[in-house]
Amino acid sequence: MADPSDLLIDRTLVLFRHSKAVPPESMPDLERPLADRGRADALAAGRYLVAQGIEADLVLCSPSQRTRETWQFAAEAGASAADVWYDRRIYSADTVELLDVIREAPSEARTVILVGHAPGVPWLADELALDGTSPERVELTRKYPTSGLTVLHLTCRWSDLSADDADLVSFVVPRG
């Protein structure tokens, strides 16, 4: 019998830019919590994930206060995850570093949500998505606001993920 990690299965990757935080000049960047609007938008993002039937096997989250709260409020709205990993590499990461983090996801994980920051999350969404002409693709490359969610479908292993390996399913910016 084949090892399950050797099988190519459908996978979903959700790239989630954190929700709106308080202004950066008010405290150290890592400690910035969500603003009132950010909390409402994170709840809306959680409701969107539930409505789409997206249940994460793993959430990969930056350790910043605003990303942790973004996932917390999304979860309060019903978004679910079997496990959450906080990884310092996601904070201030570029696409190479974000790909390194995603490539470490367990092979049995079918759905992974990465909660991170701009510009890394928008750059990675642009790099991974194959469809360069859809209105959603054009929108995510033009502007990727806080609470932006890119849903990608792929059939490669997490460990093999690279540029142009995913189909863009949707790009939305839920608002509360």
Protein backbone atom coordinates (compact mmCIF):
# COMPACT_ATOMS: atom_id res chain seq x y z
CA MET A 1 0.00 0.00 0.00
CA ALA A 2 1.28 3.48 -0.89
CA ASP A 3 2.39 5.87 1.82
CA PRO A 4 -0.35 8.57 2.12
CA SER A 5 2.31 11.29 2.04
CA ASP A 6 3.27 10.13 -1.45
CA LEU A 7 -0.22 10.63 -2.83
CA LEU A 8 -1.08 13.84 -4.62
CA ILE A 9 -4.29 15.07 -3.09
CA ASP A 10 -6.30 18.23 -3.39
CA ARG A 11 -5.18 20.84 -0.92
CA THR A 12 -6.43 24.29 0.01
CA LEU A 13 -4.20 27.15 1.09
CA VAL A 14 -5.76 30.30 2.51
CA LEU A 15 -3.57 33.39 2.76
CA PHE A 16 -5.10 35.74 5.34
CA ARG A 17 -3.74 39.24 5.91
CA HIS A 18 -4.37 40.28 9.51
CA SER A 19 -7.27 42.61 10.25
CA LYS A 20 -6.97 46.35 10.96
CA ALA A 21 -4.74 47.12 13.94
CA VAL A 22 -4.26 50.23 16.07
CA PRO A 23 -1.81 52.77 14.62
CA PRO A 24 1.88 51.78 14.65
CA GLU A 25 3.07 54.82 16.56
CA SER A 26 1.02 53.87 19.64
CA MET A 27 3.26 50.93 20.79
CA PRO A 28 5.88 48.40 19.62
CA ASP A 29 4.80 46.80 16.35
CA LEU A 30 4.60 43.22 17.65
CA GLU A 31 2.26 44.32 20.44
CA ARG A 32 -0.31 46.21 18.33
CA PRO A 33 -3.82 44.80 18.95
CA LEU A 34 -6.73 44.94 16.56
CA ALA A 35 -8.75 48.12 16.29
CA ASP A 36 -12.53 47.95 16.70
CA ARG A 37 -12.94 47.69 12.92
CA GLY A 38 -10.32 44.94 12.83
CA ARG A 39 -12.22 42.85 15.36
CA ALA A 40 -15.44 43.22 13.35
CA ASP A 41 -13.65 42.36 10.10
CA ALA A 42 -11.93 39.30 11.62
CA LEU A 43 -15.34 38.05 12.76
CA ALA A 44 -16.62 38.60 9.20
CA ALA A 45 -13.64 36.68 7.82
CA GLY A 46 -14.41 33.80 10.16
CA ARG A 47 -18.03 33.77 8.98
CA TYR A 48 -16.79 33.73 5.37
CA LEU A 49 -14.56 30.71 6.02
CA VAL A 50 -17.49 28.88 7.64
CA ALA A 51 -19.82 29.77 4.75
CA GLN A 52 -17.27 28.40 2.27
CA GLY A 53 -16.90 25.17 4.25
CA ILE A 54 -13.20 25.84 4.87
CA GLU A 55 -12.01 23.93 7.93
CA ALA A 56 -8.28 24.12 8.54
CA ASP A 57 -6.15 21.20 9.52
CA LEU A 58 -3.48 23.74 10.42
CA VAL A 59 -3.25 27.49 10.95
CA LEU A 60 0.22 28.99 10.56
CA CYS A 61 0.16 32.32 12.38
CA SER A 62 2.61 35.12 13.00
CA PRO A 63 3.15 35.68 16.73
CA SER A 64 2.22 39.37 16.57
CA GLN A 65 -0.71 40.45 18.72
CA ARG A 66 -2.78 41.55 15.69
CA THR A 67 -2.38 38.24 13.82
CA ARG A 68 -3.13 36.20 16.93
CA GLU A 69 -6.25 38.28 17.56
CA THR A 70 -7.26 38.04 13.90
CA TRP A 71 -7.34 34.24 14.15
CA GLN A 72 -8.96 34.37 17.62
CA PHE A 73 -11.87 36.49 16.35
CA ALA A 74 -12.22 34.41 13.17
CA ALA A 75 -12.43 31.32 15.39
CA GLU A 76 -15.02 33.01 17.62
CA ALA A 77 -17.12 33.42 14.46
CA GLY A 78 -16.90 29.67 13.85
CA ALA A 79 -13.72 29.21 11.79
CA SER A 80 -12.05 26.01 12.90
CA ALA A 81 -8.60 24.49 12.94
CA ALA A 82 -7.31 21.17 14.21
CA ASP A 83 -4.02 22.85 15.20
CA VAL A 84 -2.45 26.33 15.32
CA TRP A 85 1.28 26.93 15.05
CA TYR A 86 2.77 30.34 15.86
CA ASP A 87 5.91 30.91 13.84
CA ARG A 88 8.12 33.98 14.22
CA ARG A 89 9.36 33.56 10.64
CA ILE A 90 5.96 34.73 9.35
CA TYR A 91 6.45 38.18 10.90
CA SER A 92 8.20 40.43 8.33
CA ALA A 93 8.59 37.45 5.96
CA ASP A 94 9.08 37.67 2.24
CA THR A 95 7.73 35.05 -0.17
CA VAL A 96 10.74 32.74 0.20
CA GLU A 97 10.40 32.67 3.99
CA LEU A 98 6.62 32.17 3.83
CA LEU A 99 7.05 29.28 1.40
CA ASP A 100 9.60 27.72 3.77
CA VAL A 101 7.03 27.83 6.59
CA ILE A 102 4.24 26.37 4.43
CA ARG A 103 6.49 23.61 3.10
CA GLU A 104 6.86 22.33 6.67
CA ALA A 105 3.11 21.66 6.99
CA PRO A 106 2.37 18.00 7.66
CA SER A 107 1.74 16.05 4.46
CA GLU A 108 -1.62 14.81 5.77
CA ALA A 109 -2.92 18.41 6.16
CA ARG A 110 -5.44 19.12 3.43
CA THR A 111 -6.23 22.73 4.36
CA VAL A 112 -3.75 25.26 5.71
CA ILE A 113 -4.49 28.87 6.64
CA LEU A 114 -1.55 31.28 6.93
CA VAL A 115 -2.28 34.44 8.95
CA GLY A 116 0.37 37.03 8.24
CA HIS A 117 1.30 40.51 7.14
CA ALA A 118 1.77 42.74 4.11
CA PRO A 119 3.72 42.81 1.95
CA GLY A 120 4.61 39.10 2.30
CA VAL A 121 1.07 37.71 2.13
CA PRO A 122 0.04 39.74 -0.96
CA TRP A 123 3.32 38.95 -2.70
CA LEU A 124 2.91 35.23 -2.02
CA ALA A 125 -0.69 35.23 -3.26
CA ASP A 126 0.48 36.84 -6.49
CA GLU A 127 3.40 34.43 -6.85
CA LEU A 128 1.37 31.25 -6.28
CA ALA A 129 -1.77 31.98 -8.29
CA LEU A 130 -1.73 30.69 -11.86
CA ASP A 131 -4.70 32.69 -13.19
CA GLY A 132 -3.23 36.04 -14.18
CA THR A 133 -6.28 37.57 -15.85
CA SER A 134 -9.31 36.96 -13.64
CA PRO A 135 -10.86 40.02 -11.97
CA GLU A 136 -9.98 38.52 -8.57
CA ARG A 137 -6.32 38.13 -9.54
CA VAL A 138 -6.16 41.66 -10.88
CA GLU A 139 -7.75 42.94 -7.64
CA LEU A 140 -5.36 41.08 -5.31
CA THR A 141 -2.34 42.42 -7.22
CA ARG A 142 -3.75 45.96 -7.18
CA LYS A 143 -4.61 46.16 -3.49
CA TYR A 144 -4.64 43.58 -0.71
CA PRO A 145 -6.25 45.31 2.27
CA THR A 146 -6.39 44.15 5.86
CA SER A 147 -8.60 41.06 6.32
CA GLY A 148 -7.96 40.07 2.71
CA LEU A 149 -8.32 36.33 2.10
CA THR A 150 -6.93 34.47 -0.90
CA VAL A 151 -8.16 30.91 -1.30
CA LEU A 152 -5.91 28.73 -3.46
CA HIS A 153 -6.32 25.16 -4.68
CA LEU A 154 -3.30 22.97 -5.32
CA THR A 155 -2.49 19.33 -5.93
CA CYS A 156 1.21 19.29 -5.08
CA ARG A 157 2.66 18.34 -1.71
CA TRP A 158 3.22 21.18 0.74
CA SER A 159 6.92 20.36 0.64
CA ASP A 160 6.97 20.89 -3.15
CA LEU A 161 4.98 24.15 -3.29
CA SER A 162 6.51 26.80 -5.56
CA ALA A 163 5.53 29.70 -7.82
CA ASP A 164 2.54 29.20 -10.11
CA ASP A 165 1.54 25.95 -8.36
CA ALA A 166 -1.97 27.00 -7.33
CA ASP A 167 -5.30 27.87 -8.87
CA LEU A 168 -6.94 31.00 -7.54
CA VAL A 169 -10.34 30.04 -6.12
CA SER A 170 -11.25 33.41 -4.64
CA PHE A 171 -9.98 36.67 -3.26
CA VAL A 172 -12.30 38.48 -0.84
CA VAL A 173 -12.11 41.20 1.77
CA PRO A 174 -14.79 40.44 4.38
CA ARG A 175 -16.05 43.45 6.30
CA GLY A 176 -17.93 43.45 9.59
